[in-house]
C-alpha atoms as a PDB file:
ATOM      1  CA  ARG A   1      12.593   0.426  -5.843  1.00  0.00           C
ATOM      2  CA  LEU A   2      12.795   0.827  -2.080  1.00  0.00           C
ATOM      3  CA  ALA A   3      15.289  -1.969  -1.821  1.00  0.00           C
ATOM      4  CA  TYR A   4      17.507  -0.543  -4.607  1.00  0.00           C
ATOM      5  CA  GLY A   5      17.314   2.766  -2.877  1.00  0.00           C
ATOM      6  CA  GLY A   6      18.685   1.284   0.287  1.00  0.00           C
ATOM      7  CA  HIS A   7      15.477   1.624   2.276  1.00  0.00           C
ATOM      8  CA  LEU A   8      14.796  -2.147   2.603  1.00  0.00           C
ATOM      9  CA  ALA A   9      17.215  -4.990   3.448  1.00  0.00           C
ATOM     10  CA  ILE A  10      16.078  -7.616   0.954  1.00  0.00           C
ATOM     11  CA  GLU A  11      18.335 -10.407  -0.304  1.00  0.00           C
ATOM     12  CA  ASP A  12      15.831 -12.046  -2.656  1.00  0.00           C
ATOM     13  CA  PRO A  13      13.182  -9.755  -4.129  1.00  0.00           C
ATOM     14  CA  ASP A  14      11.093 -12.628  -5.429  1.00  0.00           C
ATOM     15  CA  VAL A  15      10.823 -14.232  -1.979  1.00  0.00           C
ATOM     16  CA  ALA A  16      10.144 -10.812  -0.409  1.00  0.00           C
ATOM     17  CA  ALA A  17       7.371 -10.104  -2.858  1.00  0.00           C
ATOM     18  CA  ARG A  18       5.617 -13.452  -2.154  1.00  0.00           C
ATOM     19  CA  GLN A  19       6.004 -12.858   1.593  1.00  0.00           C
ATOM     20  CA  PHE A  20       4.574  -9.345   1.178  1.00  0.00           C
ATOM     21  CA  LEU A  21       1.500 -10.684  -0.668  1.00  0.00           C
ATOM     22  CA  GLY A  22       1.060 -13.392   1.973  1.00  0.00           C
ATOM     23  CA  LEU A  23       1.194 -10.863   4.803  1.00  0.00           C
ATOM     24  CA  VAL A  24      -1.274  -8.476   3.119  1.00  0.00           C
ATOM     25  CA  ASN A  25      -3.725 -11.287   2.317  1.00  0.00           C
ATOM     26  CA  ALA A  26      -3.343 -13.458   5.425  1.00  0.00           C
ATOM     27  CA  GLU A  27      -6.185 -11.975   7.500  1.00  0.00           C
ATOM     28  CA  LEU A  28      -8.620 -12.298   4.556  1.00  0.00           C
ATOM     29  CA  GLN A  29      -8.053 -15.926   3.654  1.00  0.00           C
ATOM     30  CA  THR A  30     -10.772 -17.353   5.900  1.00  0.00           C
ATOM     31  CA  THR A  31     -13.348 -14.992   4.475  1.00  0.00           C
ATOM     32  CA  PHE A  32     -12.398 -15.916   0.932  1.00  0.00           C
ATOM     33  CA  MET A  33     -12.276 -19.604   1.723  1.00  0.00           C
ATOM     34  CA  LEU A  34     -15.810 -19.455   3.041  1.00  0.00           C
ATOM     35  CA  GLY A  35     -16.999 -17.731  -0.087  1.00  0.00           C
ATOM     36  CA  GLY A  36     -17.393 -14.302   1.474  1.00  0.00           C
ATOM     37  CA  THR A  37     -16.286 -10.890   0.460  1.00  0.00           C
ATOM     38  CA  PRO A  38     -14.390  -8.843   2.967  1.00  0.00           C
ATOM     39  CA  ARG A  39     -15.602  -5.373   3.873  1.00  0.00           C
ATOM     40  CA  GLU A  40     -13.517  -2.435   2.800  1.00  0.00           C
ATOM     41  CA  ASP A  41     -12.380  -1.683   6.314  1.00  0.00           C
ATOM     42  CA  GLU A  42     -11.181  -5.257   6.675  1.00  0.00           C
ATOM     43  CA  VAL A  43      -9.158  -5.014   3.472  1.00  0.00           C
ATOM     44  CA  VAL A  44      -7.601  -1.720   4.603  1.00  0.00           C
ATOM     45  CA  GLN A  45      -6.803  -3.165   8.044  1.00  0.00           C
ATOM     46  CA  SER A  46      -5.244  -6.325   6.537  1.00  0.00           C
ATOM     47  CA  ALA A  47      -3.137  -4.311   4.139  1.00  0.00           C
ATOM     48  CA  THR A  48      -1.983  -1.955   6.903  1.00  0.00           C
ATOM     49  CA  ASN A  49      -1.037  -4.875   9.180  1.00  0.00           C
ATOM     50  CA  GLY A  50       0.820  -6.600   6.320  1.00  0.00           C
ATOM     51  CA  VAL A  51       2.805  -3.540   5.389  1.00  0.00           C
ATOM     52  CA  ARG A  52       3.655  -2.833   8.985  1.00  0.00           C
ATOM     53  CA  THR A  53       4.951  -6.408   9.533  1.00  0.00           C
ATOM     54  CA  PHE A  54       6.871  -6.386   6.282  1.00  0.00           C
ATOM     55  CA  LEU A  55       8.605  -3.157   7.094  1.00  0.00           C
ATOM     56  CA  ARG A  56       9.513  -4.525  10.528  1.00  0.00           C
ATOM     57  CA  ALA A  57      11.092  -7.569   8.889  1.00  0.00           C
ATOM     58  CA  PHE A  58      12.825  -5.869   5.976  1.00  0.00           C
ATOM     59  CA  GLY A  59      13.069  -2.143   6.820  1.00  0.00           C
ATOM     60  CA  LYS A  60      16.532  -0.693   7.311  1.00  0.00           C
ATOM     61  CA  ARG A  61      17.347  -0.044  10.914  1.00  0.00           C
ATOM     62  CA  PRO A  62      18.884   3.269  11.822  1.00  0.00           C
ATOM     63  CA  SER A  63      22.583   3.043  12.511  1.00  0.00           C
ATOM     64  CA  LEU A  64      23.588   3.294  16.227  1.00  0.00           C
ATOM     65  CA  THR A  65      27.097   4.485  15.338  1.00  0.00           C
ATOM     66  CA  GLY A  66      27.968   7.501  17.370  1.00  0.00           C
ATOM     67  CA  VAL A  67      24.926   7.095  19.683  1.00  0.00           C
ATOM     68  CA  LYS A  68      25.773   6.900  23.394  1.00  0.00           C
ATOM     69  CA  LYS A  69      24.608   3.666  24.986  1.00  0.00           C
ATOM     70  CA  HIS A  70      22.109   3.993  27.839  1.00  0.00           C
ATOM     71  CA  THR A  71      23.924   3.914  31.145  1.00  0.00           C
ATOM     72  CA  ALA A  72      22.223   0.678  32.225  1.00  0.00           C
ATOM     73  CA  LEU A  73      23.221  -1.060  29.105  1.00  0.00           C
ATOM     74  CA  ALA A  74      26.773   0.272  29.229  1.00  0.00           C
ATOM     75  CA  ASN A  75      27.241  -1.091  32.687  1.00  0.00           C
ATOM     76  CA  ALA A  76      25.715  -4.517  31.993  1.00  0.00           C
END
């Protein structure tokens, strides 16, 4: 829904969904592989980190049209 609404820049929703799941679960894999159960705070932190990374990768960037460039950048 967010991609269709223009909030995410996603070319292939299936690939993006798999990447999202990988990001959300990445920090918990070792615990699961060793037969453990992650604590609730670990699950929350892993999900938060995964969402943050996903949005950095696929979130729409604000347009810079009409924004004055910083003087140092303009003179570079």
